[in-house]
Amino acid sequence: MLVVSGDGLSAGIGVDSVGEGVAEVSAAGVEALPAGLSSQAAAFLAGTAVVAGTPVALLDVPAVLQARSTLPSARSRSAS
């Protein structure tokens, strides 16, 4: 589980794995998303990059948090 936070919101995301540490990627190192990626997945990704020889997807954290803000909270779901 990867948890991202910002602007008073937090969102948990199920991930396959998390590498060691954090990698810095320059703007020049960000590549376009692969063709054929679903629009639902693409809506939450900022691009791809190669880190230590391995391609990685770059999460668009503001897009994830914006989507999170449109979902009902656990508190409001339990009140139903």
PDB file of N, CA and C in Angstrom:
ATOM      1  N   MET A   1       0.851  -1.164   0.000  1.00  0.00           N
ATOM      2  CA  MET A   1       0.000   0.000   0.000  1.00  0.00           C
ATOM      3  C   MET A   1       0.898   1.229   0.000  1.00  0.00           C
ATOM      4  N   LEU A   2       0.629   2.103  -0.927  1.00  0.00           N
ATOM      5  CA  LEU A   2       1.328   3.379  -1.008  1.00  0.00           C
ATOM      6  C   LEU A   2       0.322   4.443  -0.603  1.00  0.00           C
ATOM      7  N   VAL A   3       0.691   5.310   0.332  1.00  0.00           N
ATOM      8  CA  VAL A   3      -0.207   6.372   0.783  1.00  0.00           C
ATOM      9  C   VAL A   3       0.380   7.706   0.351  1.00  0.00           C
ATOM     10  N   VAL A   4      -0.444   8.511  -0.328  1.00  0.00           N
ATOM     11  CA  VAL A   4      -0.031   9.854  -0.726  1.00  0.00           C
ATOM     12  C   VAL A   4      -0.951  10.851  -0.034  1.00  0.00           C
ATOM     13  N   SER A   5      -0.407  12.011   0.296  1.00  0.00           N
ATOM     14  CA  SER A   5      -1.175  13.030   1.004  1.00  0.00           C
ATOM     15  C   SER A   5      -0.877  14.406   0.439  1.00  0.00           C
ATOM     16  N   GLY A   6      -1.856  15.267   0.530  1.00  0.00           N
ATOM     17  CA  GLY A   6      -1.675  16.657   0.132  1.00  0.00           C
ATOM     18  C   GLY A   6      -2.983  17.409   0.274  1.00  0.00           C
ATOM     19  N   ASP A   7      -2.924  18.674   0.574  1.00  0.00           N
ATOM     20  CA  ASP A   7      -4.102  19.530   0.699  1.00  0.00           C
ATOM     21  C   ASP A   7      -5.162  18.943   1.627  1.00  0.00           C
ATOM     22  N   GLY A   8      -4.721  18.318   2.712  1.00  0.00           N
ATOM     23  CA  GLY A   8      -5.657  17.787   3.694  1.00  0.00           C
ATOM     24  C   GLY A   8      -6.298  16.467   3.316  1.00  0.00           C
ATOM     25  N   LEU A   9      -5.895  15.865   2.204  1.00  0.00           N
ATOM     26  CA  LEU A   9      -6.439  14.588   1.767  1.00  0.00           C
ATOM     27  C   LEU A   9      -5.349  13.531   1.757  1.00  0.00           C
ATOM     28  N   SER A  10      -5.736  12.278   1.981  1.00  0.00           N
ATOM     29  CA  SER A  10      -4.822  11.145   1.852  1.00  0.00           C
ATOM     30  C   SER A  10      -5.508  10.091   1.021  1.00  0.00           C
ATOM     31  N   ALA A  11      -4.724   9.358   0.246  1.00  0.00           N
ATOM     32  CA  ALA A  11      -5.265   8.268  -0.557  1.00  0.00           C
ATOM     33  C   ALA A  11      -4.305   7.097  -0.489  1.00  0.00           C
ATOM     34  N   GLY A  12      -4.848   5.897  -0.299  1.00  0.00           N
ATOM     35  CA  GLY A  12      -4.049   4.679  -0.304  1.00  0.00           C
ATOM     36  C   GLY A  12      -4.197   3.989  -1.643  1.00  0.00           C
ATOM     37  N   ILE A  13      -3.096   3.503  -2.175  1.00  0.00           N
ATOM     38  CA  ILE A  13      -3.086   2.885  -3.494  1.00  0.00           C
ATOM     39  C   ILE A  13      -2.398   1.535  -3.385  1.00  0.00           C
ATOM     40  N   GLY A  14      -3.048   0.484  -3.862  1.00  0.00           N
ATOM     41  CA  GLY A  14      -2.417  -0.835  -3.888  1.00  0.00           C
ATOM     42  C   GLY A  14      -1.373  -0.876  -4.995  1.00  0.00           C
ATOM     43  N   VAL A  15      -0.166  -1.290  -4.662  1.00  0.00           N
ATOM     44  CA  VAL A  15       0.916  -1.361  -5.644  1.00  0.00           C
ATOM     45  C   VAL A  15       1.540  -2.750  -5.619  1.00  0.00           C
ATOM     46  N   ASP A  16       2.150  -3.128  -6.737  1.00  0.00           N
ATOM     47  CA  ASP A  16       2.822  -4.424  -6.815  1.00  0.00           C
ATOM     48  C   ASP A  16       4.063  -4.460  -5.942  1.00  0.00           C
ATOM     49  N   SER A  17       4.849  -3.395  -6.004  1.00  0.00           N
ATOM     50  CA  SER A  17       6.059  -3.327  -5.196  1.00  0.00           C
ATOM     51  C   SER A  17       6.545  -1.887  -5.141  1.00  0.00           C
ATOM     52  N   VAL A  18       7.385  -1.631  -4.169  1.00  0.00           N
ATOM     53  CA  VAL A  18       8.018  -0.321  -4.030  1.00  0.00           C
ATOM     54  C   VAL A  18       9.512  -0.571  -3.957  1.00  0.00           C
ATOM     55  N   GLY A  19      10.258   0.115  -4.806  1.00  0.00           N
ATOM     56  CA  GLY A  19      11.707  -0.049  -4.812  1.00  0.00           C
ATOM     57  C   GLY A  19      12.341   0.563  -3.587  1.00  0.00           C
ATOM     58  N   GLU A  20      13.635   0.430  -3.513  1.00  0.00           N
ATOM     59  CA  GLU A  20      14.375   0.978  -2.383  1.00  0.00           C
ATOM     60  C   GLU A  20      14.521   2.479  -2.530  1.00  0.00           C
ATOM     61  N   GLY A  21      14.083   3.192  -1.527  1.00  0.00           N
ATOM     62  CA  GLY A  21      14.279   4.631  -1.488  1.00  0.00           C
ATOM     63  C   GLY A  21      13.440   5.388  -2.503  1.00  0.00           C
ATOM     64  N   VAL A  22      13.835   6.620  -2.722  1.00  0.00           N
ATOM     65  CA  VAL A  22      13.156   7.516  -3.646  1.00  0.00           C
ATOM     66  C   VAL A  22      14.139   7.900  -4.732  1.00  0.00           C
ATOM     67  N   ALA A  23      13.690   7.883  -5.966  1.00  0.00           N
ATOM     68  CA  ALA A  23      14.551   8.263  -7.093  1.00  0.00           C
ATOM     69  C   ALA A  23      14.126   9.631  -7.603  1.00  0.00           C
ATOM     70  N   GLU A  24      15.099  10.447  -7.913  1.00  0.00           N
ATOM     71  CA  GLU A  24      14.806  11.739  -8.525  1.00  0.00           C
ATOM     72  C   GLU A  24      14.839  11.573 -10.031  1.00  0.00           C
ATOM     73  N   VAL A  25      13.835  12.136 -10.692  1.00  0.00           N
ATOM     74  CA  VAL A  25      13.751  12.083 -12.153  1.00  0.00           C
ATOM     75  C   VAL A  25      13.618  13.515 -12.645  1.00  0.00           C
ATOM     76  N   SER A  26      14.511  13.915 -13.534  1.00  0.00           N
ATOM     77  CA  SER A  26      14.420  15.270 -14.077  1.00  0.00           C
ATOM     78  C   SER A  26      13.263  15.325 -15.072  1.00  0.00           C
ATOM     79  N   ALA A  27      12.773  16.511 -15.327  1.00  0.00           N
ATOM     80  CA  ALA A  27      11.686  16.677 -16.290  1.00  0.00           C
ATOM     81  C   ALA A  27      12.079  16.119 -17.649  1.00  0.00           C
ATOM     82  N   ALA A  28      13.349  16.239 -18.002  1.00  0.00           N
ATOM     83  CA  ALA A  28      13.827  15.715 -19.280  1.00  0.00           C
ATOM     84  C   ALA A  28      13.791  14.189 -19.315  1.00  0.00           C
ATOM     85  N   GLY A  29      13.780  13.542 -18.148  1.00  0.00           N
ATOM     86  CA  GLY A  29      13.760  12.089 -18.080  1.00  0.00           C
ATOM     87  C   GLY A  29      12.373  11.478 -18.116  1.00  0.00           C
ATOM     88  N   VAL A  30      11.344  12.327 -18.123  1.00  0.00           N
ATOM     89  CA  VAL A  30       9.969  11.833 -18.149  1.00  0.00           C
ATOM     90  C   VAL A  30       9.560  11.575 -19.598  1.00  0.00           C
ATOM     91  N   GLU A  31       9.081  10.350 -19.839  1.00  0.00           N
ATOM     92  CA  GLU A  31       8.648   9.960 -21.176  1.00  0.00           C
ATOM     93  C   GLU A  31       7.138   9.833 -21.204  1.00  0.00           C
ATOM     94  N   ALA A  32       6.589   9.814 -22.419  1.00  0.00           N
ATOM     95  CA  ALA A  32       5.142   9.667 -22.590  1.00  0.00           C
ATOM     96  C   ALA A  32       4.694   8.290 -22.117  1.00  0.00           C
ATOM     97  N   LEU A  33       3.422   8.192 -21.788  1.00  0.00           N
ATOM     98  CA  LEU A  33       2.849   6.906 -21.393  1.00  0.00           C
ATOM     99  C   LEU A  33       2.798   5.985 -22.613  1.00  0.00           C
ATOM    100  N   PRO A  34       2.905   4.686 -22.394  1.00  0.00           N
ATOM    101  CA  PRO A  34       2.866   3.757 -23.521  1.00  0.00           C
ATOM    102  C   PRO A  34       1.507   3.766 -24.223  1.00  0.00           C
ATOM    103  N   ALA A  35       1.543   3.564 -25.536  1.00  0.00           N
ATOM    104  CA  ALA A  35       0.301   3.466 -26.306  1.00  0.00           C
ATOM    105  C   ALA A  35      -0.466   2.246 -25.828  1.00  0.00           C
ATOM    106  N   GLY A  36      -1.758   2.331 -25.862  1.00  0.00           N
ATOM    107  CA  GLY A  36      -2.584   1.200 -25.474  1.00  0.00           C
ATOM    108  C   GLY A  36      -2.932   1.167 -23.997  1.00  0.00           C
ATOM    109  N   LEU A  37      -2.381   2.077 -23.219  1.00  0.00           N
ATOM    110  CA  LEU A  37      -2.715   2.145 -21.799  1.00  0.00           C
ATOM    111  C   LEU A  37      -4.148   2.653 -21.671  1.00  0.00           C
ATOM    112  N   SER A  38      -4.925   2.037 -20.801  1.00  0.00           N
ATOM    113  CA  SER A  38      -6.326   2.458 -20.665  1.00  0.00           C
ATOM    114  C   SER A  38      -6.408   3.910 -20.202  1.00  0.00           C
ATOM    115  N   SER A  39      -7.472   4.580 -20.612  1.00  0.00           N
ATOM    116  CA  SER A  39      -7.639   5.978 -20.212  1.00  0.00           C
ATOM    117  C   SER A  39      -7.834   6.097 -18.702  1.00  0.00           C
ATOM    118  N   GLN A  40      -8.409   5.060 -18.070  1.00  0.00           N
ATOM    119  CA  GLN A  40      -8.586   5.088 -16.615  1.00  0.00           C
ATOM    120  C   GLN A  40      -7.228   5.087 -15.918  1.00  0.00           C
ATOM    121  N   ALA A  41      -6.290   4.271 -16.377  1.00  0.00           N
ATOM    122  CA  ALA A  41      -4.954   4.230 -15.784  1.00  0.00           C
ATOM    123  C   ALA A  41      -4.181   5.499 -16.119  1.00  0.00           C
ATOM    124  N   ALA A  42      -4.273   5.934 -17.363  1.00  0.00           N
ATOM    125  CA  ALA A  42      -3.529   7.113 -17.806  1.00  0.00           C
ATOM    126  C   ALA A  42      -3.931   8.363 -17.034  1.00  0.00           C
ATOM    127  N   ALA A  43      -5.167   8.418 -16.554  1.00  0.00           N
ATOM    128  CA  ALA A  43      -5.643   9.587 -15.817  1.00  0.00           C
ATOM    129  C   ALA A  43      -4.874   9.807 -14.522  1.00  0.00           C
ATOM    130  N   PHE A  44      -4.216   8.756 -14.009  1.00  0.00           N
ATOM    131  CA  PHE A  44      -3.509   8.853 -12.738  1.00  0.00           C
ATOM    132  C   PHE A  44      -1.996   8.769 -12.873  1.00  0.00           C
ATOM    133  N   LEU A  45      -1.501   8.794 -14.100  1.00  0.00           N
ATOM    134  CA  LEU A  45      -0.055   8.696 -14.320  1.00  0.00           C
ATOM    135  C   LEU A  45       0.456   9.946 -15.021  1.00  0.00           C
ATOM    136  N   ALA A  46       1.635  10.405 -14.579  1.00  0.00           N
ATOM    137  CA  ALA A  46       2.235  11.600 -15.161  1.00  0.00           C
ATOM    138  C   ALA A  46       3.177  11.260 -16.303  1.00  0.00           C
ATOM    139  N   GLY A  47       3.548  10.003 -16.433  1.00  0.00           N
ATOM    140  CA  GLY A  47       4.466   9.569 -17.479  1.00  0.00           C
ATOM    141  C   GLY A  47       5.243   8.364 -16.998  1.00  0.00           C
ATOM    142  N   THR A  48       6.323   8.068 -17.699  1.00  0.00           N
ATOM    143  CA  THR A  48       7.202   6.970 -17.316  1.00  0.00           C
ATOM    144  C   THR A  48       8.638   7.480 -17.297  1.00  0.00           C
ATOM    145  N   ALA A  49       9.489   6.742 -16.645  1.00  0.00           N
ATOM    146  CA  ALA A  49      10.915   7.063 -16.617  1.00  0.00           C
ATOM    147  C   ALA A  49      11.673   5.751 -16.444  1.00  0.00           C
ATOM    148  N   VAL A  50      12.940   5.773 -16.775  1.00  0.00           N
ATOM    149  CA  VAL A  50      13.796   4.616 -16.546  1.00  0.00           C
ATOM    150  C   VAL A  50      14.681   4.949 -15.348  1.00  0.00           C
ATOM    151  N   VAL A  51      14.576   4.124 -14.308  1.00  0.00           N
ATOM    152  CA  VAL A  51      15.339   4.316 -13.078  1.00  0.00           C
ATOM    153  C   VAL A  51      16.176   3.067 -12.857  1.00  0.00           C
ATOM    154  N   ALA A  52      17.474   3.234 -12.793  1.00  0.00           N
ATOM    155  CA  ALA A  52      18.399   2.108 -12.606  1.00  0.00           C
ATOM    156  C   ALA A  52      18.132   1.006 -13.631  1.00  0.00           C
ATOM    157  N   GLY A  53      17.849   1.411 -14.871  1.00  0.00           N
ATOM    158  CA  GLY A  53      17.639   0.453 -15.946  1.00  0.00           C
ATOM    159  C   GLY A  53      16.268  -0.182 -15.987  1.00  0.00           C
ATOM    160  N   THR A  54      15.379   0.224 -15.093  1.00  0.00           N
ATOM    161  CA  THR A  54      14.043  -0.366 -15.021  1.00  0.00           C
ATOM    162  C   THR A  54      12.983   0.695 -15.304  1.00  0.00           C
ATOM    163  N   PRO A  55      12.041   0.417 -16.205  1.00  0.00           N
ATOM    164  CA  PRO A  55      10.976   1.394 -16.447  1.00  0.00           C
ATOM    165  C   PRO A  55      10.027   1.460 -15.244  1.00  0.00           C
ATOM    166  N   VAL A  56       9.649   2.673 -14.895  1.00  0.00           N
ATOM    167  CA  VAL A  56       8.711   2.880 -13.787  1.00  0.00           C
ATOM    168  C   VAL A  56       7.629   3.862 -14.227  1.00  0.00           C
ATOM    169  N   ALA A  57       6.439   3.672 -13.680  1.00  0.00           N
ATOM    170  CA  ALA A  57       5.336   4.605 -13.924  1.00  0.00           C
ATOM    171  C   ALA A  57       5.417   5.713 -12.887  1.00  0.00           C
ATOM    172  N   LEU A  58       5.150   6.924 -13.307  1.00  0.00           N
ATOM    173  CA  LEU A  58       5.188   8.076 -12.409  1.00  0.00           C
ATOM    174  C   LEU A  58       3.764   8.476 -12.056  1.00  0.00           C
ATOM    175  N   LEU A  59       3.432   8.369 -10.796  1.00  0.00           N
ATOM    176  CA  LEU A  59       2.100   8.667 -10.308  1.00  0.00           C
ATOM    177  C   LEU A  59       1.839  10.169 -10.362  1.00  0.00           C
ATOM    178  N   ASP A  60       0.672  10.548 -10.840  1.00  0.00           N
ATOM    179  CA  ASP A  60       0.243  11.940 -10.844  1.00  0.00           C
ATOM    180  C   ASP A  60      -0.515  12.178  -9.533  1.00  0.00           C
ATOM    181  N   VAL A  61       0.227  12.543  -8.488  1.00  0.00           N
ATOM    182  CA  VAL A  61      -0.360  12.660  -7.146  1.00  0.00           C
ATOM    183  C   VAL A  61      -1.522  13.654  -7.113  1.00  0.00           C
ATOM    184  N   PRO A  62      -1.421  14.830  -7.718  1.00  0.00           N
ATOM    185  CA  PRO A  62      -2.583  15.730  -7.687  1.00  0.00           C
ATOM    186  C   PRO A  62      -3.833  15.101  -8.315  1.00  0.00           C
ATOM    187  N   ALA A  63      -3.682  14.327  -9.378  1.00  0.00           N
ATOM    188  CA  ALA A  63      -4.841  13.675 -10.004  1.00  0.00           C
ATOM    189  C   ALA A  63      -5.442  12.638  -9.074  1.00  0.00           C
ATOM    190  N   VAL A  64      -4.599  11.891  -8.370  1.00  0.00           N
ATOM    191  CA  VAL A  64      -5.093  10.886  -7.424  1.00  0.00           C
ATOM    192  C   VAL A  64      -5.857  11.570  -6.291  1.00  0.00           C
ATOM    193  N   LEU A  65      -5.292  12.622  -5.747  1.00  0.00           N
ATOM    194  CA  LEU A  65      -5.947  13.316  -4.641  1.00  0.00           C
ATOM    195  C   LEU A  65      -7.225  14.002  -5.083  1.00  0.00           C
ATOM    196  N   GLN A  66      -7.247  14.520  -6.290  1.00  0.00           N
ATOM    197  CA  GLN A  66      -8.471  15.137  -6.800  1.00  0.00           C
ATOM    198  C   GLN A  66      -9.563  14.080  -6.933  1.00  0.00           C
ATOM    199  N   ALA A  67      -9.232  12.908  -7.429  1.00  0.00           N
ATOM    200  CA  ALA A  67     -10.216  11.828  -7.542  1.00  0.00           C
ATOM    201  C   ALA A  67     -10.685  11.405  -6.159  1.00  0.00           C
ATOM    202  N   ARG A  68      -9.756  11.330  -5.208  1.00  0.00           N
ATOM    203  CA  ARG A  68     -10.104  10.940  -3.836  1.00  0.00           C
ATOM    204  C   ARG A  68     -11.109  11.899  -3.232  1.00  0.00           C
ATOM    205  N   SER A  69     -10.977  13.169  -3.550  1.00  0.00           N
ATOM    206  CA  SER A  69     -11.876  14.164  -2.959  1.00  0.00           C
ATOM    207  C   SER A  69     -13.299  14.032  -3.486  1.00  0.00           C
ATOM    208  N   THR A  70     -13.499  13.327  -4.593  1.00  0.00           N
ATOM    209  CA  THR A  70     -14.846  13.163  -5.150  1.00  0.00           C
ATOM    210  C   THR A  70     -15.540  11.911  -4.648  1.00  0.00           C
ATOM    211  N   LEU A  71     -14.811  11.041  -3.921  1.00  0.00           N
ATOM    212  CA  LEU A  71     -15.392   9.805  -3.416  1.00  0.00           C
ATOM    213  C   LEU A  71     -16.004  10.019  -2.034  1.00  0.00           C
ATOM    214  N   PRO A  72     -17.009   9.223  -1.693  1.00  0.00           N
ATOM    215  CA  PRO A  72     -17.568   9.349  -0.341  1.00  0.00           C
ATOM    216  C   PRO A  72     -16.538   8.897   0.685  1.00  0.00           C
ATOM    217  N   SER A  73     -16.532   9.523   1.836  1.00  0.00           N
ATOM    218  CA  SER A  73     -15.603   9.133   2.887  1.00  0.00           C
ATOM    219  C   SER A  73     -16.093   7.865   3.565  1.00  0.00           C
ATOM    220  N   ALA A  74     -15.206   7.177   4.236  1.00  0.00           N
ATOM    221  CA  ALA A  74     -15.581   5.973   4.990  1.00  0.00           C
ATOM    222  C   ALA A  74     -16.628   6.317   6.031  1.00  0.00           C
ATOM    223  N   ARG A  75     -16.531   7.476   6.606  1.00  0.00           N
ATOM    224  CA  ARG A  75     -17.473   7.915   7.631  1.00  0.00           C
ATOM    225  C   ARG A  75     -18.875   8.055   7.034  1.00  0.00           C
ATOM    226  N   SER A  76     -19.000   8.661   5.856  1.00  0.00           N
ATOM    227  CA  SER A  76     -20.330   8.842   5.261  1.00  0.00           C
ATOM    228  C   SER A  76     -20.897   7.523   4.739  1.00  0.00           C
ATOM    229  N   ARG A  77     -20.030   6.588   4.310  1.00  0.00           N
ATOM    230  CA  ARG A  77     -20.502   5.272   3.861  1.00  0.00           C
ATOM    231  C   ARG A  77     -21.044   4.477   5.042  1.00  0.00           C
ATOM    232  N   SER A  78     -20.400   4.563   6.207  1.00  0.00           N
ATOM    233  CA  SER A  78     -20.845   3.774   7.355  1.00  0.00           C
ATOM    234  C   SER A  78     -22.136   4.326   7.948  1.00  0.00           C
ATOM    235  N   ALA A  79     -22.446   5.577   7.686  1.00  0.00           N
ATOM    236  CA  ALA A  79     -23.669   6.170   8.213  1.00  0.00           C
ATOM    237  C   ALA A  79     -24.891   5.750   7.407  1.00  0.00           C
ATOM    238  N   SER A  80     -24.697   5.220   6.204  1.00  0.00           N
ATOM    239  CA  SER A  80     -25.822   4.827   5.345  1.00  0.00           C
ATOM    240  C   SER A  80     -26.473   3.562   5.828  1.00  0.00           C
TER     241      SER A  80
END
